[in-house]
Amino acid sequence: MIREFEPVVFTVDLPRYGLQAGDVGTVADIHPSGKAYEVEVFRVDGSTYDVVTVQEGQIRPATKNEVTHARAITPAEATTQS
């Protein structure tokens, strides 16, 4: 079960947002149906990269046996995201 404020891992690429499977975000809100989530993705400096809506199956809970991994976003992605 995925809960609000829980770290999650994207299971699919979301090219529209410049996100890749394996990227990590935090659940900011759970839609009333329980089948969609608002996930906030942060840059390494702690600023928000984007908040995206995903369906169940596009994310999974992060586990204590995983580590995060940094990767660069392209300049185009960096300037189009809020």
PDB file of N, CA and C in Angstrom:
ATOM      1  N   MET A   1       0.841  -1.188   0.000  1.00  0.00           N
ATOM      2  CA  MET A   1       0.000   0.000   0.000  1.00  0.00           C
ATOM      3  C   MET A   1       0.884   1.249   0.000  1.00  0.00           C
ATOM      4  N   ILE A   2       0.576   2.162  -0.874  1.00  0.00           N
ATOM      5  CA  ILE A   2       1.329   3.408  -0.965  1.00  0.00           C
ATOM      6  C   ILE A   2       0.636   4.473  -0.124  1.00  0.00           C
ATOM      7  N   ARG A   3       1.426   5.182   0.671  1.00  0.00           N
ATOM      8  CA  ARG A   3       0.873   6.190   1.580  1.00  0.00           C
ATOM      9  C   ARG A   3       1.397   7.574   1.249  1.00  0.00           C
ATOM     10  N   GLU A   4       0.656   8.567   1.705  1.00  0.00           N
ATOM     11  CA  GLU A   4       1.065   9.951   1.523  1.00  0.00           C
ATOM     12  C   GLU A   4       2.408  10.193   2.218  1.00  0.00           C
ATOM     13  N   PHE A   5       3.255  10.990   1.584  1.00  0.00           N
ATOM     14  CA  PHE A   5       4.587  11.372   2.055  1.00  0.00           C
ATOM     15  C   PHE A   5       5.599  10.232   2.028  1.00  0.00           C
ATOM     16  N   GLU A   6       5.246   9.131   1.407  1.00  0.00           N
ATOM     17  CA  GLU A   6       6.138   7.981   1.295  1.00  0.00           C
ATOM     18  C   GLU A   6       7.019   8.121   0.052  1.00  0.00           C
ATOM     19  N   PRO A   7       8.300   7.736   0.146  1.00  0.00           N
ATOM     20  CA  PRO A   7       9.133   7.744  -1.058  1.00  0.00           C
ATOM     21  C   PRO A   7       8.708   6.608  -1.984  1.00  0.00           C
ATOM     22  N   VAL A   8       8.673   6.921  -3.275  1.00  0.00           N
ATOM     23  CA  VAL A   8       8.275   5.923  -4.266  1.00  0.00           C
ATOM     24  C   VAL A   8       9.269   5.937  -5.432  1.00  0.00           C
ATOM     25  N   VAL A   9       9.258   4.856  -6.179  1.00  0.00           N
ATOM     26  CA  VAL A   9      10.122   4.695  -7.342  1.00  0.00           C
ATOM     27  C   VAL A   9       9.225   4.579  -8.574  1.00  0.00           C
ATOM     28  N   PHE A  10       9.557   5.338  -9.614  1.00  0.00           N
ATOM     29  CA  PHE A  10       8.811   5.219 -10.867  1.00  0.00           C
ATOM     30  C   PHE A  10       9.160   3.891 -11.525  1.00  0.00           C
ATOM     31  N   THR A  11       8.163   3.183 -12.029  1.00  0.00           N
ATOM     32  CA  THR A  11       8.374   1.883 -12.663  1.00  0.00           C
ATOM     33  C   THR A  11       8.378   1.980 -14.179  1.00  0.00           C
ATOM     34  N   VAL A  12       8.047   3.151 -14.700  1.00  0.00           N
ATOM     35  CA  VAL A  12       8.007   3.387 -16.145  1.00  0.00           C
ATOM     36  C   VAL A  12       8.666   4.725 -16.449  1.00  0.00           C
ATOM     37  N   ASP A  13       9.125   4.877 -17.680  1.00  0.00           N
ATOM     38  CA  ASP A  13       9.612   6.172 -18.139  1.00  0.00           C
ATOM     39  C   ASP A  13       8.420   7.097 -18.358  1.00  0.00           C
ATOM     40  N   LEU A  14       8.580   8.361 -17.988  1.00  0.00           N
ATOM     41  CA  LEU A  14       7.580   9.391 -18.264  1.00  0.00           C
ATOM     42  C   LEU A  14       8.282  10.499 -19.041  1.00  0.00           C
ATOM     43  N   PRO A  15       8.522  10.279 -20.348  1.00  0.00           N
ATOM     44  CA  PRO A  15       9.322  11.223 -21.133  1.00  0.00           C
ATOM     45  C   PRO A  15       8.740  12.627 -21.183  1.00  0.00           C
ATOM     46  N   ARG A  16       7.447  12.749 -21.076  1.00  0.00           N
ATOM     47  CA  ARG A  16       6.825  14.087 -21.077  1.00  0.00           C
ATOM     48  C   ARG A  16       7.386  14.959 -19.953  1.00  0.00           C
ATOM     49  N   TYR A  17       7.763  14.308 -18.859  1.00  0.00           N
ATOM     50  CA  TYR A  17       8.282  15.026 -17.693  1.00  0.00           C
ATOM     51  C   TYR A  17       9.789  14.872 -17.522  1.00  0.00           C
ATOM     52  N   GLY A  18      10.431  14.157 -18.442  1.00  0.00           N
ATOM     53  CA  GLY A  18      11.867  13.930 -18.320  1.00  0.00           C
ATOM     54  C   GLY A  18      12.214  12.939 -17.226  1.00  0.00           C
ATOM     55  N   LEU A  19      11.256  12.096 -16.840  1.00  0.00           N
ATOM     56  CA  LEU A  19      11.485  11.125 -15.771  1.00  0.00           C
ATOM     57  C   LEU A  19      11.718   9.738 -16.357  1.00  0.00           C
ATOM     58  N   GLN A  20      12.527   8.964 -15.654  1.00  0.00           N
ATOM     59  CA  GLN A  20      12.854   7.614 -16.097  1.00  0.00           C
ATOM     60  C   GLN A  20      12.488   6.611 -15.016  1.00  0.00           C
ATOM     61  N   ALA A  21      12.223   5.388 -15.448  1.00  0.00           N
ATOM     62  CA  ALA A  21      12.011   4.303 -14.486  1.00  0.00           C
ATOM     63  C   ALA A  21      13.215   4.265 -13.555  1.00  0.00           C
ATOM     64  N   GLY A  22      12.956   4.165 -12.272  1.00  0.00           N
ATOM     65  CA  GLY A  22      14.020   4.166 -11.270  1.00  0.00           C
ATOM     66  C   GLY A  22      14.189   5.507 -10.577  1.00  0.00           C
ATOM     67  N   ASP A  23      13.659   6.591 -11.173  1.00  0.00           N
ATOM     68  CA  ASP A  23      13.696   7.888 -10.489  1.00  0.00           C
ATOM     69  C   ASP A  23      12.838   7.813  -9.231  1.00  0.00           C
ATOM     70  N   VAL A  24      13.172   8.642  -8.265  1.00  0.00           N
ATOM     71  CA  VAL A  24      12.511   8.608  -6.965  1.00  0.00           C
ATOM     72  C   VAL A  24      11.725   9.903  -6.734  1.00  0.00           C
ATOM     73  N   GLY A  25      10.560   9.779  -6.132  1.00  0.00           N
ATOM     74  CA  GLY A  25       9.749  10.928  -5.763  1.00  0.00           C
ATOM     75  C   GLY A  25       9.073  10.667  -4.428  1.00  0.00           C
ATOM     76  N   THR A  26       8.269  11.635  -4.001  1.00  0.00           N
ATOM     77  CA  THR A  26       7.522  11.518  -2.742  1.00  0.00           C
ATOM     78  C   THR A  26       6.051  11.735  -3.024  1.00  0.00           C
ATOM     79  N   VAL A  27       5.216  10.869  -2.494  1.00  0.00           N
ATOM     80  CA  VAL A  27       3.778  11.006  -2.692  1.00  0.00           C
ATOM     81  C   VAL A  27       3.304  12.250  -1.954  1.00  0.00           C
ATOM     82  N   ALA A  28       2.768  13.208  -2.706  1.00  0.00           N
ATOM     83  CA  ALA A  28       2.268  14.449  -2.124  1.00  0.00           C
ATOM     84  C   ALA A  28       0.774  14.378  -1.860  1.00  0.00           C
ATOM     85  N   ASP A  29       0.064  13.539  -2.628  1.00  0.00           N
ATOM     86  CA  ASP A  29      -1.388  13.434  -2.466  1.00  0.00           C
ATOM     87  C   ASP A  29      -1.859  12.131  -3.095  1.00  0.00           C
ATOM     88  N   ILE A  30      -2.897  11.575  -2.531  1.00  0.00           N
ATOM     89  CA  ILE A  30      -3.529  10.383  -3.079  1.00  0.00           C
ATOM     90  C   ILE A  30      -4.934  10.774  -3.510  1.00  0.00           C
ATOM     91  N   HIS A  31      -5.249  10.511  -4.761  1.00  0.00           N
ATOM     92  CA  HIS A  31      -6.588  10.844  -5.260  1.00  0.00           C
ATOM     93  C   HIS A  31      -7.631  10.010  -4.524  1.00  0.00           C
ATOM     94  N   PRO A  32      -8.858  10.528  -4.405  1.00  0.00           N
ATOM     95  CA  PRO A  32      -9.902   9.825  -3.649  1.00  0.00           C
ATOM     96  C   PRO A  32     -10.129   8.379  -4.096  1.00  0.00           C
ATOM     97  N   SER A  33      -9.932   8.105  -5.374  1.00  0.00           N
ATOM     98  CA  SER A  33     -10.129   6.741  -5.870  1.00  0.00           C
ATOM     99  C   SER A  33      -9.064   5.787  -5.346  1.00  0.00           C
ATOM    100  N   GLY A  34      -7.927   6.337  -4.905  1.00  0.00           N
ATOM    101  CA  GLY A  34      -6.817   5.514  -4.455  1.00  0.00           C
ATOM    102  C   GLY A  34      -6.035   4.893  -5.591  1.00  0.00           C
ATOM    103  N   LYS A  35      -6.366   5.262  -6.827  1.00  0.00           N
ATOM    104  CA  LYS A  35      -5.707   4.672  -7.991  1.00  0.00           C
ATOM    105  C   LYS A  35      -4.820   5.654  -8.738  1.00  0.00           C
ATOM    106  N   ALA A  36      -4.724   6.883  -8.241  1.00  0.00           N
ATOM    107  CA  ALA A  36      -3.860   7.897  -8.843  1.00  0.00           C
ATOM    108  C   ALA A  36      -3.184   8.684  -7.725  1.00  0.00           C
ATOM    109  N   TYR A  37      -1.996   9.173  -8.042  1.00  0.00           N
ATOM    110  CA  TYR A  37      -1.167   9.838  -7.038  1.00  0.00           C
ATOM    111  C   TYR A  37      -0.535  11.089  -7.619  1.00  0.00           C
ATOM    112  N   GLU A  38      -0.339  12.084  -6.775  1.00  0.00           N
ATOM    113  CA  GLU A  38       0.479  13.239  -7.117  1.00  0.00           C
ATOM    114  C   GLU A  38       1.841  12.960  -6.486  1.00  0.00           C
ATOM    115  N   VAL A  39       2.876  12.941  -7.317  1.00  0.00           N
ATOM    116  CA  VAL A  39       4.217  12.628  -6.831  1.00  0.00           C
ATOM    117  C   VAL A  39       5.129  13.822  -7.096  1.00  0.00           C
ATOM    118  N   GLU A  40       5.791  14.283  -6.046  1.00  0.00           N
ATOM    119  CA  GLU A  40       6.728  15.395  -6.164  1.00  0.00           C
ATOM    120  C   GLU A  40       8.134  14.837  -6.349  1.00  0.00           C
ATOM    121  N   VAL A  41       8.821  15.376  -7.340  1.00  0.00           N
ATOM    122  CA  VAL A  41      10.188  14.952  -7.641  1.00  0.00           C
ATOM    123  C   VAL A  41      11.108  16.124  -7.327  1.00  0.00           C
ATOM    124  N   PHE A  42      12.167  15.837  -6.595  1.00  0.00           N
ATOM    125  CA  PHE A  42      13.083  16.876  -6.133  1.00  0.00           C
ATOM    126  C   PHE A  42      14.424  16.790  -6.848  1.00  0.00           C
ATOM    127  N   ARG A  43      15.043  17.956  -7.016  1.00  0.00           N
ATOM    128  CA  ARG A  43      16.431  18.018  -7.464  1.00  0.00           C
ATOM    129  C   ARG A  43      17.322  17.718  -6.257  1.00  0.00           C
ATOM    130  N   VAL A  44      18.585  17.490  -6.498  1.00  0.00           N
ATOM    131  CA  VAL A  44      19.521  17.176  -5.409  1.00  0.00           C
ATOM    132  C   VAL A  44      19.608  18.313  -4.397  1.00  0.00           C
ATOM    133  N   ASP A  45      19.419  19.573  -4.844  1.00  0.00           N
ATOM    134  CA  ASP A  45      19.509  20.707  -3.909  1.00  0.00           C
ATOM    135  C   ASP A  45      18.247  20.884  -3.061  1.00  0.00           C
ATOM    136  N   GLY A  46      17.263  19.995  -3.249  1.00  0.00           N
ATOM    137  CA  GLY A  46      16.032  20.048  -2.456  1.00  0.00           C
ATOM    138  C   GLY A  46      14.909  20.825  -3.104  1.00  0.00           C
ATOM    139  N   SER A  47      15.178  21.504  -4.204  1.00  0.00           N
ATOM    140  CA  SER A  47      14.118  22.241  -4.894  1.00  0.00           C
ATOM    141  C   SER A  47      13.237  21.266  -5.681  1.00  0.00           C
ATOM    142  N   THR A  48      12.002  21.659  -5.905  1.00  0.00           N
ATOM    143  CA  THR A  48      11.071  20.810  -6.648  1.00  0.00           C
ATOM    144  C   THR A  48      11.397  20.835  -8.128  1.00  0.00           C
ATOM    145  N   TYR A  49      11.516  19.661  -8.711  1.00  0.00           N
ATOM    146  CA  TYR A  49      11.698  19.533 -10.155  1.00  0.00           C
ATOM    147  C   TYR A  49      10.333  19.565 -10.828  1.00  0.00           C
ATOM    148  N   ASP A  50       9.392  18.770 -10.316  1.00  0.00           N
ATOM    149  CA  ASP A  50       8.043  18.727 -10.889  1.00  0.00           C
ATOM    150  C   ASP A  50       7.130  17.965  -9.942  1.00  0.00           C
ATOM    151  N   VAL A  51       5.836  18.168 -10.127  1.00  0.00           N
ATOM    152  CA  VAL A  51       4.813  17.368  -9.459  1.00  0.00           C
ATOM    153  C   VAL A  51       3.999  16.737 -10.578  1.00  0.00           C
ATOM    154  N   VAL A  52       3.936  15.419 -10.587  1.00  0.00           N
ATOM    155  CA  VAL A  52       3.277  14.714 -11.676  1.00  0.00           C
ATOM    156  C   VAL A  52       2.164  13.818 -11.136  1.00  0.00           C
ATOM    157  N   THR A  53       1.149  13.619 -11.962  1.00  0.00           N
ATOM    158  CA  THR A  53       0.064  12.701 -11.632  1.00  0.00           C
ATOM    159  C   THR A  53       0.363  11.364 -12.283  1.00  0.00           C
ATOM    160  N   VAL A  54       0.339  10.311 -11.498  1.00  0.00           N
ATOM    161  CA  VAL A  54       0.591   8.967 -12.022  1.00  0.00           C
ATOM    162  C   VAL A  54      -0.506   8.022 -11.565  1.00  0.00           C
ATOM    163  N   GLN A  55      -0.647   6.957 -12.299  1.00  0.00           N
ATOM    164  CA  GLN A  55      -1.616   5.914 -11.967  1.00  0.00           C
ATOM    165  C   GLN A  55      -0.916   4.808 -11.179  1.00  0.00           C
ATOM    166  N   GLU A  56      -1.720   4.020 -10.444  1.00  0.00           N
ATOM    167  CA  GLU A  56      -1.116   2.882  -9.764  1.00  0.00           C
ATOM    168  C   GLU A  56      -0.473   2.007 -10.836  1.00  0.00           C
ATOM    169  N   GLY A  57       0.622   1.402 -10.527  1.00  0.00           N
ATOM    170  CA  GLY A  57       1.361   0.614 -11.496  1.00  0.00           C
ATOM    171  C   GLY A  57       2.498   1.402 -12.129  1.00  0.00           C
ATOM    172  N   GLN A  58       2.441   2.739 -12.041  1.00  0.00           N
ATOM    173  CA  GLN A  58       3.532   3.560 -12.560  1.00  0.00           C
ATOM    174  C   GLN A  58       4.547   3.900 -11.471  1.00  0.00           C
ATOM    175  N   ILE A  59       4.206   3.574 -10.230  1.00  0.00           N
ATOM    176  CA  ILE A  59       5.110   3.773  -9.096  1.00  0.00           C
ATOM    177  C   ILE A  59       5.006   2.563  -8.173  1.00  0.00           C
ATOM    178  N   ARG A  60       6.011   2.435  -7.329  1.00  0.00           N
ATOM    179  CA  ARG A  60       5.986   1.415  -6.279  1.00  0.00           C
ATOM    180  C   ARG A  60       6.674   2.000  -5.058  1.00  0.00           C
ATOM    181  N   PRO A  61       6.382   1.463  -3.883  1.00  0.00           N
ATOM    182  CA  PRO A  61       7.061   1.972  -2.687  1.00  0.00           C
ATOM    183  C   PRO A  61       8.569   1.712  -2.775  1.00  0.00           C
ATOM    184  N   ALA A  62       9.351   2.661  -2.302  1.00  0.00           N
ATOM    185  CA  ALA A  62      10.791   2.444  -2.171  1.00  0.00           C
ATOM    186  C   ALA A  62      11.012   1.531  -0.969  1.00  0.00           C
ATOM    187  N   THR A  63      12.084   0.769  -1.002  1.00  0.00           N
ATOM    188  CA  THR A  63      12.375  -0.118   0.121  1.00  0.00           C
ATOM    189  C   THR A  63      13.631   0.347   0.855  1.00  0.00           C
ATOM    190  N   LYS A  64      13.813  -0.128   2.065  1.00  0.00           N
ATOM    191  CA  LYS A  64      14.968   0.275   2.868  1.00  0.00           C
ATOM    192  C   LYS A  64      16.280  -0.268   2.315  1.00  0.00           C
ATOM    193  N   ASN A  65      16.215  -1.208   1.396  1.00  0.00           N
ATOM    194  CA  ASN A  65      17.424  -1.794   0.821  1.00  0.00           C
ATOM    195  C   ASN A  65      17.827  -1.138  -0.504  1.00  0.00           C
ATOM    196  N   GLU A  66      17.262   0.035  -0.803  1.00  0.00           N
ATOM    197  CA  GLU A  66      17.585   0.742  -2.035  1.00  0.00           C
ATOM    198  C   GLU A  66      18.297   2.045  -1.717  1.00  0.00           C
ATOM    199  N   VAL A  67      19.087   2.512  -2.671  1.00  0.00           N
ATOM    200  CA  VAL A  67      19.740   3.810  -2.558  1.00  0.00           C
ATOM    201  C   VAL A  67      19.275   4.673  -3.722  1.00  0.00           C
ATOM    202  N   THR A  68      19.326   5.987  -3.534  1.00  0.00           N
ATOM    203  CA  THR A  68      18.988   6.888  -4.633  1.00  0.00           C
ATOM    204  C   THR A  68      20.205   7.052  -5.527  1.00  0.00           C
ATOM    205  N   HIS A  69      19.982   7.545  -6.715  1.00  0.00           N
ATOM    206  CA  HIS A  69      21.034   7.696  -7.709  1.00  0.00           C
ATOM    207  C   HIS A  69      20.836   9.031  -8.412  1.00  0.00           C
ATOM    208  N   ALA A  70      21.887   9.803  -8.559  1.00  0.00           N
ATOM    209  CA  ALA A  70      21.779  11.105  -9.227  1.00  0.00           C
ATOM    210  C   ALA A  70      22.055  10.950 -10.716  1.00  0.00           C
ATOM    211  N   ARG A  71      21.318  11.715 -11.522  1.00  0.00           N
ATOM    212  CA  ARG A  71      21.570  11.797 -12.962  1.00  0.00           C
ATOM    213  C   ARG A  71      21.242  13.215 -13.394  1.00  0.00           C
ATOM    214  N   ALA A  72      21.888  13.656 -14.431  1.00  0.00           N
ATOM    215  CA  ALA A  72      21.649  15.014 -14.934  1.00  0.00           C
ATOM    216  C   ALA A  72      20.390  15.024 -15.792  1.00  0.00           C
ATOM    217  N   ILE A  73      19.661  16.133 -15.714  1.00  0.00           N
ATOM    218  CA  ILE A  73      18.557  16.342 -16.633  1.00  0.00           C
ATOM    219  C   ILE A  73      19.067  17.244 -17.735  1.00  0.00           C
ATOM    220  N   THR A  74      18.509  17.109 -18.911  1.00  0.00           N
ATOM    221  CA  THR A  74      18.985  17.927 -20.019  1.00  0.00           C
ATOM    222  C   THR A  74      18.573  19.371 -19.798  1.00  0.00           C
ATOM    223  N   PRO A  75      19.306  20.328 -20.359  1.00  0.00           N
ATOM    224  CA  PRO A  75      18.928  21.742 -20.202  1.00  0.00           C
ATOM    225  C   PRO A  75      17.487  22.016 -20.631  1.00  0.00           C
ATOM    226  N   ALA A  76      17.007  21.352 -21.678  1.00  0.00           N
ATOM    227  CA  ALA A  76      15.630  21.556 -22.126  1.00  0.00           C
ATOM    228  C   ALA A  76      14.650  21.126 -21.037  1.00  0.00           C
ATOM    229  N   GLU A  77      14.914  19.985 -20.401  1.00  0.00           N
ATOM    230  CA  GLU A  77      14.051  19.525 -19.316  1.00  0.00           C
ATOM    231  C   GLU A  77      14.110  20.469 -18.138  1.00  0.00           C
ATOM    232  N   ALA A  78      15.286  20.949 -17.821  1.00  0.00           N
ATOM    233  CA  ALA A  78      15.463  21.816 -16.662  1.00  0.00           C
ATOM    234  C   ALA A  78      14.719  23.137 -16.820  1.00  0.00           C
ATOM    235  N   THR A  79      14.633  23.646 -18.036  1.00  0.00           N
ATOM    236  CA  THR A  79      13.984  24.938 -18.226  1.00  0.00           C
ATOM    237  C   THR A  79      12.485  24.833 -18.447  1.00  0.00           C
ATOM    238  N   THR A  80      11.998  23.636 -18.790  1.00  0.00           N
ATOM    239  CA  THR A  80      10.557  23.494 -19.036  1.00  0.00           C
ATOM    240  C   THR A  80       9.816  23.040 -17.796  1.00  0.00           C
ATOM    241  N   GLN A  81      10.533  22.581 -16.806  1.00  0.00           N
ATOM    242  CA  GLN A  81       9.887  22.103 -15.585  1.00  0.00           C
ATOM    243  C   GLN A  81       9.881  23.220 -14.550  1.00  0.00           C
ATOM    244  N   SER A  82       8.855  23.217 -13.720  1.00  0.00           N
ATOM    245  CA  SER A  82       8.799  24.230 -12.653  1.00  0.00           C
ATOM    246  C   SER A  82       9.362  23.703 -11.365  1.00  0.00           C
TER     247      SER A  82
END
